[in-house]
Amino acid sequence: MREKEKDYIVKDGDVMNFLFNV
């Protein structure tokens, strides 16, 4: 469960980075 949570957080950060890049 913790591993999945980490993956989710990383994905969320990637999305934010993408929005900021745009």
PDB file of N, CA and C in Angstrom:
ATOM      1  N   MET A   1       0.853  -1.199   0.000  1.00  0.00           N
ATOM      2  CA  MET A   1       0.000   0.000   0.000  1.00  0.00           C
ATOM      3  C   MET A   1       0.893   1.257   0.000  1.00  0.00           C
ATOM      4  N   ARG A   2       1.945   1.209   0.756  1.00  0.00           N
ATOM      5  CA  ARG A   2       2.825   2.394   0.828  1.00  0.00           C
ATOM      6  C   ARG A   2       3.481   2.596  -0.545  1.00  0.00           C
ATOM      7  N   GLU A   3       3.868   1.532  -1.190  1.00  0.00           N
ATOM      8  CA  GLU A   3       4.523   1.669  -2.501  1.00  0.00           C
ATOM      9  C   GLU A   3       3.556   2.317  -3.501  1.00  0.00           C
ATOM     10  N   LYS A   4       2.298   1.896  -3.428  1.00  0.00           N
ATOM     11  CA  LYS A   4       1.314   2.454  -4.368  1.00  0.00           C
ATOM     12  C   LYS A   4       1.123   3.948  -4.070  1.00  0.00           C
ATOM     13  N   GLU A   5       1.104   4.280  -2.798  1.00  0.00           N
ATOM     14  CA  GLU A   5       0.906   5.703  -2.436  1.00  0.00           C
ATOM     15  C   GLU A   5       2.063   6.538  -2.995  1.00  0.00           C
ATOM     16  N   LYS A   6       3.274   6.002  -2.885  1.00  0.00           N
ATOM     17  CA  LYS A   6       4.449   6.747  -3.373  1.00  0.00           C
ATOM     18  C   LYS A   6       4.303   6.957  -4.888  1.00  0.00           C
ATOM     19  N   ASP A   7       3.884   5.929  -5.588  1.00  0.00           N
ATOM     20  CA  ASP A   7       3.716   6.024  -7.040  1.00  0.00           C
ATOM     21  C   ASP A   7       2.691   7.111  -7.371  1.00  0.00           C
ATOM     22  N   TYR A   8       1.628   7.152  -6.583  1.00  0.00           N
ATOM     23  CA  TYR A   8       0.567   8.144  -6.833  1.00  0.00           C
ATOM     24  C   TYR A   8       1.107   9.562  -6.633  1.00  0.00           C
ATOM     25  N   ILE A   9       1.859   9.724  -5.548  1.00  0.00           N
ATOM     26  CA  ILE A   9       2.423  11.053  -5.253  1.00  0.00           C
ATOM     27  C   ILE A   9       3.359  11.476  -6.394  1.00  0.00           C
ATOM     28  N   VAL A  10       4.176  10.545  -6.851  1.00  0.00           N
ATOM     29  CA  VAL A  10       5.127  10.861  -7.929  1.00  0.00           C
ATOM     30  C   VAL A  10       4.355  11.259  -9.185  1.00  0.00           C
ATOM     31  N   LYS A  11       3.272  10.527  -9.455  1.00  0.00           N
ATOM     32  CA  LYS A  11       2.476  10.837 -10.650  1.00  0.00           C
ATOM     33  C   LYS A  11       1.871  12.234 -10.498  1.00  0.00           C
ATOM     34  N   ASP A  12       1.374  12.533  -9.322  1.00  0.00           N
ATOM     35  CA  ASP A  12       0.763  13.845  -9.077  1.00  0.00           C
ATOM     36  C   ASP A  12       1.802  14.944  -9.321  1.00  0.00           C
ATOM     37  N   GLY A  13       3.006  14.729  -8.850  1.00  0.00           N
ATOM     38  CA  GLY A  13       4.065  15.724  -9.030  1.00  0.00           C
ATOM     39  C   GLY A  13       4.375  15.897 -10.510  1.00  0.00           C
ATOM     40  N   ASP A  14       4.375  14.802 -11.236  1.00  0.00           N
ATOM     41  CA  ASP A  14       4.656  14.872 -12.674  1.00  0.00           C
ATOM     42  C   ASP A  14       3.599  15.727 -13.372  1.00  0.00           C
ATOM     43  N   VAL A  15       2.359  15.537 -12.967  1.00  0.00           N
ATOM     44  CA  VAL A  15       1.261  16.297 -13.591  1.00  0.00           C
ATOM     45  C   VAL A  15       1.438  17.777 -13.283  1.00  0.00           C
ATOM     46  N   MET A  16       1.788  18.093 -12.045  1.00  0.00           N
ATOM     47  CA  MET A  16       1.960  19.513 -11.663  1.00  0.00           C
ATOM     48  C   MET A  16       3.111  20.106 -12.472  1.00  0.00           C
ATOM     49  N   ASN A  17       4.177  19.351 -12.605  1.00  0.00           N
ATOM     50  CA  ASN A  17       5.341  19.834 -13.364  1.00  0.00           C
ATOM     51  C   ASN A  17       4.936  20.114 -14.809  1.00  0.00           C
ATOM     52  N   PHE A  18       4.120  19.236 -15.353  1.00  0.00           N
ATOM     53  CA  PHE A  18       3.676  19.393 -16.744  1.00  0.00           C
ATOM     54  C   PHE A  18       2.850  20.676 -16.878  1.00  0.00           C
ATOM     55  N   LEU A  19       1.938  20.892 -15.938  1.00  0.00           N
ATOM     56  CA  LEU A  19       1.081  22.093 -15.985  1.00  0.00           C
ATOM     57  C   LEU A  19       1.955  23.340 -15.872  1.00  0.00           C
ATOM     58  N   PHE A  20       2.944  23.269 -15.006  1.00  0.00           N
ATOM     59  CA  PHE A  20       3.811  24.447 -14.804  1.00  0.00           C
ATOM     60  C   PHE A  20       4.646  24.701 -16.056  1.00  0.00           C
ATOM     61  N   ASN A  21       5.071  23.618 -16.688  1.00  0.00           N
ATOM     62  CA  ASN A  21       5.882  23.751 -17.901  1.00  0.00           C
ATOM     63  C   ASN A  21       5.059  24.425 -18.997  1.00  0.00           C
ATOM     64  N   VAL A  22       3.806  24.076 -19.068  1.00  0.00           N
ATOM     65  CA  VAL A  22       2.933  24.646 -20.105  1.00  0.00           C
ATOM     66  C   VAL A  22       2.637  26.091 -19.717  1.00  0.00           C
TER      67      VAL A  22
END
